[in-house]
C-alpha atoms as a PDB file:
ATOM      1  CA  MET A   1      13.876   7.376  -8.947  1.00  0.00           C
ATOM      2  CA  LYS A   2      16.525   5.902 -10.611  1.00  0.00           C
ATOM      3  CA  TYR A   3      17.933   4.620  -6.747  1.00  0.00           C
ATOM      4  CA  ALA A   4      14.755   3.608  -5.781  1.00  0.00           C
ATOM      5  CA  PHE A   5      14.973   1.540  -9.143  1.00  0.00           C
ATOM      6  CA  LEU A   6      17.873  -0.258  -8.090  1.00  0.00           C
ATOM      7  CA  TRP A   7      16.754  -1.060  -4.215  1.00  0.00           C
ATOM      8  CA  ILE A   8      13.729  -3.119  -6.010  1.00  0.00           C
ATOM      9  CA  LEU A   9      15.317  -4.683  -8.737  1.00  0.00           C
ATOM     10  CA  PRO A  10      17.506  -7.332  -6.070  1.00  0.00           C
ATOM     11  CA  VAL A  11      13.953  -7.861  -4.052  1.00  0.00           C
ATOM     12  CA  CYS A  12      12.322  -8.639  -7.313  1.00  0.00           C
ATOM     13  CA  PHE A  13      15.103 -10.886  -8.269  1.00  0.00           C
ATOM     14  CA  LEU A  14      15.152 -12.364  -5.631  1.00  0.00           C
ATOM     15  CA  LEU A  15      11.445 -13.410  -5.085  1.00  0.00           C
ATOM     16  CA  SER A  16      11.035 -14.076  -9.216  1.00  0.00           C
ATOM     17  CA  GLY A  17      11.475 -17.657  -8.708  1.00  0.00           C
ATOM     18  CA  PHE A  18       8.869 -18.057  -5.970  1.00  0.00           C
ATOM     19  CA  ASN A  19       5.142 -17.237  -5.237  1.00  0.00           C
ATOM     20  CA  LEU A  20       5.031 -14.716  -2.610  1.00  0.00           C
ATOM     21  CA  PRO A  21       2.854 -15.487   0.560  1.00  0.00           C
ATOM     22  CA  ASN A  22      -1.072 -15.166  -0.091  1.00  0.00           C
ATOM     23  CA  GLU A  23      -1.147 -12.998   2.311  1.00  0.00           C
ATOM     24  CA  LYS A  24      -5.727 -12.209   1.834  1.00  0.00           C
ATOM     25  CA  LYS A  25      -5.235 -16.041   2.874  1.00  0.00           C
ATOM     26  CA  PHE A  26      -2.716 -16.447   5.163  1.00  0.00           C
ATOM     27  CA  LEU A  27      -2.853 -13.198   7.449  1.00  0.00           C
ATOM     28  CA  ALA A  28      -4.685 -13.200  10.841  1.00  0.00           C
ATOM     29  CA  GLN A  29      -4.013 -17.302  10.335  1.00  0.00           C
ATOM     30  CA  LYS A  30      -1.937 -18.808  13.420  1.00  0.00           C
ATOM     31  CA  ALA A  31       1.612 -19.968  12.268  1.00  0.00           C
ATOM     32  CA  ALA A  32       1.574 -23.785  13.209  1.00  0.00           C
ATOM     33  CA  ASN A  33       3.119 -24.975  16.708  1.00  0.00           C
ATOM     34  CA  ILE A  34       5.649 -27.423  16.329  1.00  0.00           C
ATOM     35  CA  GLU A  35       8.399 -29.111  17.898  1.00  0.00           C
ATOM     36  CA  VAL A  36      11.799 -27.239  18.217  1.00  0.00           C
ATOM     37  CA  PHE A  37      15.174 -27.545  19.013  1.00  0.00           C
ATOM     38  CA  ASP A  38      17.867 -24.766  19.454  1.00  0.00           C
ATOM     39  CA  ALA A  39      21.548 -25.297  19.869  1.00  0.00           C
ATOM     40  CA  TYR A  40      21.970 -26.871  22.321  1.00  0.00           C
ATOM     41  CA  GLY A  41      19.738 -29.504  22.274  1.00  0.00           C
ATOM     42  CA  ASN A  42      16.791 -28.145  23.968  1.00  0.00           C
ATOM     43  CA  ARG A  43      13.789 -29.228  22.430  1.00  0.00           C
ATOM     44  CA  PHE A  44      10.402 -27.696  23.434  1.00  0.00           C
ATOM     45  CA  GLU A  45       7.303 -26.238  21.403  1.00  0.00           C
ATOM     46  CA  LEU A  46       7.329 -23.095  19.345  1.00  0.00           C
ATOM     47  CA  TYR A  47       4.685 -21.473  21.007  1.00  0.00           C
ATOM     48  CA  SER A  48       6.828 -21.632  24.555  1.00  0.00           C
ATOM     49  CA  LEU A  49       8.392 -18.221  22.607  1.00  0.00           C
ATOM     50  CA  LEU A  50       5.409 -17.073  22.780  1.00  0.00           C
ATOM     51  CA  GLY A  51       2.540 -15.020  24.759  1.00  0.00           C
ATOM     52  CA  LYS A  52       4.892 -12.129  25.856  1.00  0.00           C
ATOM     53  CA  THR A  53       5.754 -10.295  22.721  1.00  0.00           C
ATOM     54  CA  PRO A  54       5.867 -10.657  18.986  1.00  0.00           C
ATOM     55  CA  LEU A  55       8.135 -13.049  17.564  1.00  0.00           C
ATOM     56  CA  ILE A  56       9.807 -12.242  14.172  1.00  0.00           C
ATOM     57  CA  VAL A  57      10.680 -15.631  12.116  1.00  0.00           C
ATOM     58  CA  SER A  58      13.690 -15.214   9.429  1.00  0.00           C
ATOM     59  CA  PRO A  59      13.631 -18.606   7.138  1.00  0.00           C
ATOM     60  CA  VAL A  60      17.380 -19.816   6.403  1.00  0.00           C
ATOM     61  CA  TYR A  61      19.576 -22.869   6.507  1.00  0.00           C
ATOM     62  CA  THR A  62      23.104 -22.564   8.148  1.00  0.00           C
ATOM     63  CA  ARG A  63      25.295 -24.096   5.586  1.00  0.00           C
ATOM     64  CA  CYS A  64      24.136 -21.722   3.112  1.00  0.00           C
ATOM     65  CA  HIS A  65      26.592 -20.193   1.241  1.00  0.00           C
ATOM     66  CA  SER A  66      25.495 -17.235  -0.270  1.00  0.00           C
ATOM     67  CA  LEU A  67      21.729 -15.649   0.003  1.00  0.00           C
ATOM     68  CA  CYS A  68      21.448 -16.485   4.143  1.00  0.00           C
ATOM     69  CA  GLY A  69      24.526 -14.910   4.792  1.00  0.00           C
ATOM     70  CA  VAL A  70      23.313 -11.454   3.095  1.00  0.00           C
ATOM     71  CA  ILE A  71      19.968 -11.983   4.605  1.00  0.00           C
ATOM     72  CA  SER A  72      21.519 -12.320   8.475  1.00  0.00           C
ATOM     73  CA  ASN A  73      23.276  -9.020   7.847  1.00  0.00           C
ATOM     74  CA  GLY A  74      20.674  -7.007   6.512  1.00  0.00           C
ATOM     75  CA  VAL A  75      18.239  -8.118   9.328  1.00  0.00           C
ATOM     76  CA  LYS A  76      21.091  -7.890  12.278  1.00  0.00           C
ATOM     77  CA  ASN A  77      21.469  -4.224  10.783  1.00  0.00           C
ATOM     78  CA  ALA A  78      18.106  -3.737  10.991  1.00  0.00           C
ATOM     79  CA  ILE A  79      17.451  -5.105  14.694  1.00  0.00           C
ATOM     80  CA  THR A  80      20.956  -3.258  15.709  1.00  0.00           C
ATOM     81  CA  ALA A  81      19.132   0.214  14.413  1.00  0.00           C
ATOM     82  CA  LEU A  82      16.070  -0.484  16.680  1.00  0.00           C
ATOM     83  CA  ASP A  83      17.127  -1.382  19.888  1.00  0.00           C
ATOM     84  CA  GLY A  84      14.055  -3.441  21.137  1.00  0.00           C
ATOM     85  CA  LEU A  85      15.380  -6.747  20.703  1.00  0.00           C
ATOM     86  CA  GLY A  86      14.160  -8.815  23.645  1.00  0.00           C
ATOM     87  CA  LYS A  87      12.019  -5.950  25.167  1.00  0.00           C
ATOM     88  CA  ASP A  88       9.695  -5.254  22.199  1.00  0.00           C
ATOM     89  CA  PHE A  89       9.512  -8.370  20.373  1.00  0.00           C
ATOM     90  CA  ALA A  90      11.803 -11.616  19.753  1.00  0.00           C
ATOM     91  CA  MET A  91      13.770 -13.212  17.063  1.00  0.00           C
ATOM     92  CA  ILE A  92      14.369 -16.539  15.432  1.00  0.00           C
ATOM     93  CA  SER A  93      16.542 -17.922  12.520  1.00  0.00           C
ATOM     94  CA  PHE A  94      14.673 -20.989  11.578  1.00  0.00           C
ATOM     95  CA  SER A  95      16.412 -23.326   9.554  1.00  0.00           C
ATOM     96  CA  PHE A  96      14.441 -25.548   6.681  1.00  0.00           C
ATOM     97  CA  ASP A  97      17.333 -27.679   6.609  1.00  0.00           C
ATOM     98  CA  SER A  98      16.257 -31.176   8.114  1.00  0.00           C
ATOM     99  CA  SER A  99      19.669 -31.895   7.652  1.00  0.00           C
ATOM    100  CA  ASP A 100      20.815 -29.288  10.646  1.00  0.00           C
ATOM    101  CA  ARG A 101      21.788 -30.727  14.155  1.00  0.00           C
ATOM    102  CA  GLN A 102      22.953 -28.913  17.163  1.00  0.00           C
ATOM    103  CA  THR A 103      26.385 -27.809  16.368  1.00  0.00           C
ATOM    104  CA  ASN A 104      25.089 -26.540  12.921  1.00  0.00           C
ATOM    105  CA  LEU A 105      22.394 -23.979  14.948  1.00  0.00           C
ATOM    106  CA  ALA A 106      25.395 -23.233  17.373  1.00  0.00           C
ATOM    107  CA  ALA A 107      27.853 -22.200  14.637  1.00  0.00           C
ATOM    108  CA  TYR A 108      25.282 -19.711  13.360  1.00  0.00           C
ATOM    109  CA  GLU A 109      24.210 -18.516  15.955  1.00  0.00           C
ATOM    110  CA  ASN A 110      27.901 -17.882  16.959  1.00  0.00           C
ATOM    111  CA  ARG A 111      28.926 -16.618  13.409  1.00  0.00           C
ATOM    112  CA  TRP A 112      26.338 -13.928  13.626  1.00  0.00           C
ATOM    113  CA  GLU A 113      26.633 -13.452  17.210  1.00  0.00           C
ATOM    114  CA  MET A 114      23.027 -13.939  18.170  1.00  0.00           C
ATOM    115  CA  ASP A 115      22.500 -14.228  22.486  1.00  0.00           C
ATOM    116  CA  GLY A 116      20.685 -17.551  22.364  1.00  0.00           C
ATOM    117  CA  VAL A 117      17.859 -16.437  23.907  1.00  0.00           C
ATOM    118  CA  SER A 118      16.152 -13.214  22.334  1.00  0.00           C
ATOM    119  CA  TRP A 119      17.485 -14.150  19.243  1.00  0.00           C
ATOM    120  CA  LYS A 120      18.109 -17.861  18.686  1.00  0.00           C
ATOM    121  CA  THR A 121      18.152 -20.224  15.902  1.00  0.00           C
ATOM    122  CA  LEU A 122      16.091 -23.202  15.229  1.00  0.00           C
ATOM    123  CA  SER A 123      15.327 -26.065  13.141  1.00  0.00           C
ATOM    124  CA  ALA A 124      13.214 -29.493  13.390  1.00  0.00           C
ATOM    125  CA  SER A 125      12.190 -32.850  12.103  1.00  0.00           C
ATOM    126  CA  ALA A 126      11.727 -32.715   8.369  1.00  0.00           C
ATOM    127  CA  GLU A 127       7.692 -33.668   9.189  1.00  0.00           C
ATOM    128  CA  ASN A 128       7.379 -30.366  11.237  1.00  0.00           C
ATOM    129  CA  ILE A 129       9.898 -28.041   9.322  1.00  0.00           C
ATOM    130  CA  ARG A 130       7.174 -28.633   6.292  1.00  0.00           C
ATOM    131  CA  GLN A 131       4.030 -28.245   8.458  1.00  0.00           C
ATOM    132  CA  PHE A 132       5.332 -25.027   9.812  1.00  0.00           C
ATOM    133  CA  LEU A 133       6.633 -23.782   6.436  1.00  0.00           C
ATOM    134  CA  SER A 134       3.118 -24.352   5.094  1.00  0.00           C
ATOM    135  CA  SER A 135       1.204 -22.836   7.499  1.00  0.00           C
ATOM    136  CA  ILE A 136       2.920 -19.673   7.193  1.00  0.00           C
ATOM    137  CA  ASP A 137       2.889 -20.038   3.552  1.00  0.00           C
ATOM    138  CA  TYR A 138       6.545 -19.925   3.117  1.00  0.00           C
ATOM    139  CA  GLN A 139       8.114 -21.499  -0.499  1.00  0.00           C
ATOM    140  CA  TYR A 140      11.456 -22.793  -1.474  1.00  0.00           C
ATOM    141  CA  ASP A 141      13.151 -25.742  -3.044  1.00  0.00           C
ATOM    142  CA  TYR A 142      16.056 -28.055  -2.874  1.00  0.00           C
ATOM    143  CA  ASP A 143      18.793 -27.757  -6.372  1.00  0.00           C
ATOM    144  CA  PRO A 144      20.734 -30.862  -5.898  1.00  0.00           C
ATOM    145  CA  ALA A 145      23.132 -29.945  -8.792  1.00  0.00           C
ATOM    146  CA  THR A 146      24.748 -26.962  -6.573  1.00  0.00           C
ATOM    147  CA  LYS A 147      23.162 -28.600  -3.285  1.00  0.00           C
ATOM    148  CA  GLU A 148      21.676 -25.240  -1.947  1.00  0.00           C
ATOM    149  CA  PHE A 149      17.914 -24.384  -1.329  1.00  0.00           C
ATOM    150  CA  ASN A 150      16.591 -21.560  -3.655  1.00  0.00           C
ATOM    151  CA  HIS A 151      14.485 -19.306  -1.187  1.00  0.00           C
ATOM    152  CA  PRO A 152      13.254 -15.846  -1.226  1.00  0.00           C
ATOM    153  CA  SER A 153      14.257 -13.393   1.783  1.00  0.00           C
ATOM    154  CA  VAL A 154      10.810 -12.961   3.738  1.00  0.00           C
ATOM    155  CA  LEU A 155      10.709 -12.100   7.782  1.00  0.00           C
ATOM    156  CA  ILE A 156       7.130 -12.939   9.072  1.00  0.00           C
ATOM    157  CA  VAL A 157       6.118 -11.678  12.260  1.00  0.00           C
ATOM    158  CA  LEU A 158       3.888 -13.462  14.374  1.00  0.00           C
ATOM    159  CA  THR A 159       1.604 -12.161  17.647  1.00  0.00           C
ATOM    160  CA  PRO A 160       1.983 -13.016  21.108  1.00  0.00           C
ATOM    161  CA  ALA A 161      -0.967 -15.602  20.092  1.00  0.00           C
ATOM    162  CA  GLY A 162       0.767 -17.390  16.729  1.00  0.00           C
ATOM    163  CA  LYS A 163      -1.236 -15.258  14.219  1.00  0.00           C
ATOM    164  CA  ILE A 164       0.743 -14.046  11.723  1.00  0.00           C
ATOM    165  CA  SER A 165       0.667 -10.012  11.473  1.00  0.00           C
ATOM    166  CA  ARG A 166       2.908  -8.977   8.783  1.00  0.00           C
ATOM    167  CA  TYR A 167       5.272 -10.617   6.318  1.00  0.00           C
ATOM    168  CA  ILE A 168       8.630  -8.015   5.784  1.00  0.00           C
ATOM    169  CA  TYR A 169      10.084  -9.008   2.187  1.00  0.00           C
ATOM    170  CA  GLY A 170      14.121  -7.910   0.950  1.00  0.00           C
ATOM    171  CA  ILE A 171      17.201  -8.342   2.226  1.00  0.00           C
ATOM    172  CA  ASN A 172      17.887  -5.440   3.834  1.00  0.00           C
ATOM    173  CA  PRO A 173      14.349  -4.859   5.644  1.00  0.00           C
ATOM    174  CA  SER A 174      13.123  -1.442   7.013  1.00  0.00           C
ATOM    175  CA  LYS A 175      14.018  -0.989  10.122  1.00  0.00           C
ATOM    176  CA  LYS A 176      10.696   1.512  10.155  1.00  0.00           C
ATOM    177  CA  ASP A 177       8.997  -1.616   8.578  1.00  0.00           C
ATOM    178  CA  ILE A 178       9.683  -4.083  11.790  1.00  0.00           C
ATOM    179  CA  ARG A 179       9.324  -1.331  13.873  1.00  0.00           C
ATOM    180  CA  LEU A 180       5.585  -0.985  12.851  1.00  0.00           C
ATOM    181  CA  ALA A 181       4.503  -4.648  12.079  1.00  0.00           C
ATOM    182  CA  VAL A 182       6.159  -5.567  15.616  1.00  0.00           C
ATOM    183  CA  MET A 183       3.955  -2.297  16.631  1.00  0.00           C
ATOM    184  CA  GLU A 184       0.563  -3.921  15.283  1.00  0.00           C
ATOM    185  CA  ALA A 185       1.322  -7.694  15.889  1.00  0.00           C
ATOM    186  CA  MET A 186       1.589  -5.824  20.149  1.00  0.00           C
ATOM    187  CA  ALA A 187      -2.202  -4.584  19.912  1.00  0.00           C
ATOM    188  CA  GLU A 188      -3.224  -7.680  19.997  1.00  0.00           C
ATOM    189  CA  LYS A 189      -2.257  -7.619  23.678  1.00  0.00           C
ATOM    190  CA  THR A 190      -2.080  -4.363  24.595  1.00  0.00           C
ATOM    191  CA  ARG A 191      -3.382  -0.921  23.242  1.00  0.00           C
ATOM    192  CA  PRO A 192      -0.097   1.155  22.345  1.00  0.00           C
ATOM    193  CA  GLY A 193       0.184   4.392  24.216  1.00  0.00           C
ATOM    194  CA  ILE A 194      -0.425   7.815  23.209  1.00  0.00           C
ATOM    195  CA  ILE A 195       2.852   8.469  21.108  1.00  0.00           C
ATOM    196  CA  LYS A 196       2.759   5.042  19.878  1.00  0.00           C
ATOM    197  CA  GLY A 197      -0.307   4.810  18.485  1.00  0.00           C
ATOM    198  CA  PHE A 198      -0.618   8.158  16.762  1.00  0.00           C
ATOM    199  CA  TYR A 199       3.202   6.855  15.253  1.00  0.00           C
ATOM    200  CA  LEU A 200       1.307   4.231  13.708  1.00  0.00           C
ATOM    201  CA  ARG A 201      -1.561   5.494  12.797  1.00  0.00           C
ATOM    202  CA  CYS A 202       0.534   7.893  10.287  1.00  0.00           C
ATOM    203  CA  PHE A 203       1.263   5.230   8.209  1.00  0.00           C
ATOM    204  CA  GLY A 204      -0.601   2.695   6.386  1.00  0.00           C
ATOM    205  CA  TYR A 205       0.705  -1.474   4.904  1.00  0.00           C
ATOM    206  CA  ASP A 206       0.369  -0.512   1.237  1.00  0.00           C
ATOM    207  CA  PRO A 207       0.067  -4.130  -0.172  1.00  0.00           C
ATOM    208  CA  VAL A 208       1.666  -2.997  -3.689  1.00  0.00           C
ATOM    209  CA  LEU A 209       4.721  -2.226  -3.129  1.00  0.00           C
ATOM    210  CA  LYS A 210       4.977  -4.330   0.344  1.00  0.00           C
ATOM    211  CA  THR A 211       5.443  -1.875   2.450  1.00  0.00           C
ATOM    212  CA  TYR A 212       4.386   0.996   4.738  1.00  0.00           C
ATOM    213  CA  LYS A 213       3.629   4.585   3.911  1.00  0.00           C
ATOM    214  CA  PRO A 214       2.844   7.539   5.369  1.00  0.00           C
ATOM    215  CA  ASP A 215      -1.105   8.115   5.475  1.00  0.00           C
ATOM    216  CA  TRP A 216      -0.725  11.708   4.056  1.00  0.00           C
ATOM    217  CA  ARG A 217      -4.923  12.189   4.351  1.00  0.00           C
ATOM    218  CA  PHE A 218      -4.950  11.100   8.180  1.00  0.00           C
ATOM    219  CA  ILE A 219      -1.212  13.590   9.140  1.00  0.00           C
ATOM    220  CA  ILE A 220      -2.730  16.481   7.080  1.00  0.00           C
ATOM    221  CA  SER A 221      -6.930  16.277   9.046  1.00  0.00           C
ATOM    222  CA  THR A 222      -4.570  15.845  12.262  1.00  0.00           C
ATOM    223  CA  SER A 223      -2.479  18.745  11.884  1.00  0.00           C
ATOM    224  CA  ALA A 224      -5.337  20.978  10.527  1.00  0.00           C
ATOM    225  CA  GLY A 225      -7.399  20.172  13.569  1.00  0.00           C
ATOM    226  CA  LEU A 226      -4.373  20.230  15.746  1.00  0.00           C
ATOM    227  CA  LEU A 227      -3.759  24.149  14.641  1.00  0.00           C
ATOM    228  CA  MET A 228      -7.202  24.881  14.474  1.00  0.00           C
ATOM    229  CA  ILE A 229      -7.203  23.785  18.710  1.00  0.00           C
ATOM    230  CA  SER A 230      -4.056  26.042  19.009  1.00  0.00           C
ATOM    231  CA  LEU A 231      -5.644  28.885  17.104  1.00  0.00           C
ATOM    232  CA  VAL A 232      -8.782  28.954  19.347  1.00  0.00           C
ATOM    233  CA  THR A 233      -6.704  28.076  22.490  1.00  0.00           C
ATOM    234  CA  GLY A 234      -4.793  30.886  21.689  1.00  0.00           C
ATOM    235  CA  LEU A 235      -7.406  33.277  20.922  1.00  0.00           C
ATOM    236  CA  PHE A 236      -9.315  32.726  24.299  1.00  0.00           C
ATOM    237  CA  ILE A 237      -6.045  33.040  25.904  1.00  0.00           C
ATOM    238  CA  ARG A 238      -5.381  36.195  24.756  1.00  0.00           C
ATOM    239  CA  SER A 239      -9.349  37.546  24.847  1.00  0.00           C
ATOM    240  CA  PHE A 240      -9.410  36.338  28.555  1.00  0.00           C
ATOM    241  CA  ILE A 241      -6.001  38.667  29.336  1.00  0.00           C
ATOM    242  CA  VAL A 242      -7.470  41.144  27.474  1.00  0.00           C
ATOM    243  CA  THR A 243     -10.875  41.483  29.744  1.00  0.00           C
ATOM    244  CA  LYS A 244      -8.838  41.143  32.611  1.00  0.00           C
ATOM    245  CA  ASN A 245      -6.619  43.633  31.661  1.00  0.00           C
ATOM    246  CA  GLN A 246      -9.577  46.100  31.018  1.00  0.00           C
ATOM    247  CA  HIS A 247     -11.249  45.119  34.021  1.00  0.00           C
ATOM    248  CA  GLY A 248      -7.944  45.432  36.165  1.00  0.00           C
END
């Protein structure tokens, strides 16, 4: 229990200075389709990255000397462990610093060994940044004394149609939460297979703890049902064998 408290404490500290996204209001709403630019100087609409798979957005700023590096490290560890980048989902680190230029984005991508395709760093004009972050209810502020941005650690999962499917909180996001959030988001386009569908059904999102928890009622009832089917099937087979032997 004490270890759980130690894990929750830094998360609460990172989020304490900001209002959490209003999930009741913003979940299932569409993120703004703004013009963005990447580390290669290309300009395009954000939605051009959507359509096939979910998109995970990690708000950062490239010249951050503290939290952003911790965030990117935690995200990189989780994404690497999932092994679904580029296949099950795409990823962007979105800089909300309007003074960032192409070279800043390129340096950030290089630092975190992003491939620039499945995971890239993007930014936009000041107005487009405000529009996009407002549409996903992500809050931050600038401290002129330190010349740093204060901001929470949140991942935003968008469906292939650009709708906000889930918020994932913390500097070390759970790969289980990311996997389940991606599966939920992808269900907008295609129905999950039997195994993925069953795995997804075994968990439910807890809006208080901001994480997925096992749905023990479903797991127990399903296990009991499968056990009953196995017993009935076993008895039927046994009865069939006995009857066949008696008439053999």
